[in-house]
Amino acid sequence: MATTPRKQREVRQRELHLLDVARTMLIAQGYAGLSMDRLAEATEYSKGTIYQHFSTKEDLVMALASQSMEQRLSLFERAASFRGRPRERLLGIGIADELFARLYPHAFRSELIIKMANLEERASPERTDKLRTCESECTSLLRNFIKEAIAIGDLAPTVSVPQVMFALLTLVLGTHTVVANFRPLLTETQVTDPYSSLRESIQVLLDGFGWKPLSTEWDYAETYRRIAQEVFADECQSAGPGSH
């Protein structure tokens, strides 16, 4: 018998609920503290019902990672639609990433836990492929902006695309890691708004690569304001002060 649309919605809602509870458990208790038994107890669903959605604990955790990555990718794709120079559109990706961190503060922390657990070899190929596809689409947007900048002369043809990508990704991921796990460092370095500092650091980095227009030649604060208002007005309002 075919599954009815109503039944499909119920199954999907149940899976989303399981993921929400599992994410909370993962953040509070770590990977070792998350189990199918504890999830069943917390949600009052049987283990059999949970296994209908996730074949193993690894599948469950990989589903959490994919869910976060899909949310981030959706924001990135909207940012990429902004009409502007490649460096401006790259700034849009940065705004999207910042909004994701502000709106889903536990997402990066849970992703870090998942990465440290090295689950890819133990999860199903379907879950692993889905996550890798989302990750690839996110990095492809960044790579395309860099290539476009070289093509139109905003970056010198001698600039290495992988080097620019690596520099940007390590700067962004490093900031997220400090915010998620090493907050005392913010106090020691007297950084009150890490994401504002990240935006400034990215501008310094891109100036160092000679990515035109340089920050001395262009009002990127105005670009930031336009992207926030034209692309992410609702998200900026939800994220609160510091996001627009």
Foldseek 3Di string as FASTA:
>chain_A
DDDDPVNVVVLVVVLVVLLVVQLVQCLVPNLVRGDLVVSCVVVVNDSVSVCVPAVGSLRSLLVLLLVLLVQLLVQLVLLCPDDDALVLSVVSSLLSVVLSCLVPVSSVVSVVSSVVVVSLVPGDPVSNVSNVVSVVSSLVSLLVSVVVLCVVVLAPPPDDSVVLSVVLVCLVNVLSCCVNPPVVVCVVVVPPQSSVVSSVVNLVVCVVRNRPPRVVNDPSVVSQVCSCVVRPVPSDVVSDPPSD
